[in-house]
Amino acid sequence: MFERPFTGTLNAIVFEKGDPMSVQEQIKENLLKEIYTDIDKMYDFMVQHFILSSEHEDLIIKNLNKMKDQFYLISTNSKLS
């Protein structure tokens, strides 16, 4: 989807071998996937609608990656409502 590597931390969710994911963990993982997809769509929107310099594109990627990281931290440190 991205021309440059766009890192996300969804794969950083690690559980010990043999431990099945709890229902809450599965829901959180699905929510993160949805959030990450929406963030990817933001990038696609910017690239499709604006002529970006490489500097601006790099800034967008950097900040969207930070946003993904923040959502990951929120989901791992918070309970579902």
Protein backbone atom coordinates (compact mmCIF):
# COMPACT_ATOMS: atom_id res chain seq x y z
CA MET A 1 0.00 0.00 0.00
CA PHE A 2 2.87 2.38 0.78
CA GLU A 3 5.75 3.02 -1.54
CA ARG A 4 8.07 3.32 1.43
CA PRO A 5 8.17 1.06 4.45
CA PHE A 6 5.33 2.02 6.76
CA THR A 7 5.88 0.39 10.10
CA GLY A 8 3.17 -0.56 12.47
CA THR A 9 3.35 -2.36 15.75
CA LEU A 10 0.35 -4.66 15.40
CA ASN A 11 2.66 -7.64 15.02
CA ALA A 12 4.35 -6.70 18.26
CA ILE A 13 1.50 -8.26 20.23
CA VAL A 14 3.23 -11.32 21.63
CA PHE A 15 1.70 -14.00 23.78
CA GLU A 16 3.46 -16.88 25.43
CA LYS A 17 3.40 -20.16 23.53
CA GLY A 18 0.34 -22.19 24.24
CA ASP A 19 -1.61 -19.28 25.73
CA PRO A 20 -4.75 -18.72 23.70
CA MET A 21 -5.70 -15.10 23.15
CA SER A 22 -8.47 -13.96 25.44
CA VAL A 23 -11.64 -12.61 23.91
CA GLN A 24 -10.61 -9.10 25.00
CA GLU A 25 -7.20 -9.49 23.32
CA GLN A 26 -8.86 -10.70 20.11
CA ILE A 27 -11.22 -7.73 20.13
CA LYS A 28 -8.31 -5.35 20.72
CA GLU A 29 -6.36 -6.93 17.86
CA ASN A 30 -9.34 -6.53 15.52
CA LEU A 31 -9.81 -2.92 16.61
CA LEU A 32 -6.13 -2.20 15.97
CA LYS A 33 -6.37 -3.74 12.51
CA GLU A 34 -9.32 -1.48 11.75
CA ILE A 35 -7.53 1.59 13.11
CA TYR A 36 -4.37 0.76 11.16
CA THR A 37 -6.40 0.33 7.98
CA ASP A 38 -7.97 3.75 8.54
CA ILE A 39 -4.53 5.30 9.11
CA ASP A 40 -3.29 3.67 5.90
CA LYS A 41 -6.28 5.21 4.12
CA MET A 42 -5.23 8.64 5.41
CA TYR A 43 -1.85 8.16 3.76
CA ASP A 44 -3.46 7.00 0.52
CA PHE A 45 -5.76 10.02 0.55
CA MET A 46 -2.86 12.44 0.95
CA VAL A 47 -0.83 10.82 -1.81
CA GLN A 48 -3.79 10.70 -4.20
CA HIS A 49 -4.94 14.27 -3.67
CA PHE A 50 -1.73 16.21 -3.16
CA ILE A 51 1.61 16.46 -4.91
CA LEU A 52 3.95 15.94 -2.00
CA SER A 53 7.62 16.64 -1.80
CA SER A 54 9.65 13.72 -0.51
CA GLU A 55 10.19 15.71 2.70
CA HIS A 56 6.46 16.11 3.25
CA GLU A 57 5.77 12.49 2.41
CA ASP A 58 8.44 11.42 4.90
CA LEU A 59 6.84 13.62 7.57
CA ILE A 60 3.42 12.15 6.88
CA ILE A 61 4.77 8.61 7.14
CA LYS A 62 6.68 9.44 10.32
CA ASN A 63 3.65 11.00 12.00
CA LEU A 64 1.24 8.28 10.91
CA ASN A 65 3.66 5.69 12.31
CA LYS A 66 3.72 7.62 15.60
CA MET A 67 -0.07 7.58 15.60
CA LYS A 68 -0.08 3.81 15.06
CA ASP A 69 2.36 3.41 17.94
CA GLN A 70 0.17 5.55 20.21
CA PHE A 71 -2.93 3.52 19.40
CA TYR A 72 -0.98 0.35 20.09
CA LEU A 73 0.12 1.67 23.49
CA ILE A 74 -3.41 2.76 24.34
CA SER A 75 -4.84 -0.62 23.41
CA THR A 76 -2.26 -2.59 25.38
CA ASN A 77 -2.54 -0.42 28.49
CA SER A 78 -6.30 0.12 28.55
CA LYS A 79 -9.32 -2.08 29.09
CA LEU A 80 -12.19 -2.19 26.63
CA SER A 81 -15.28 -0.22 27.55
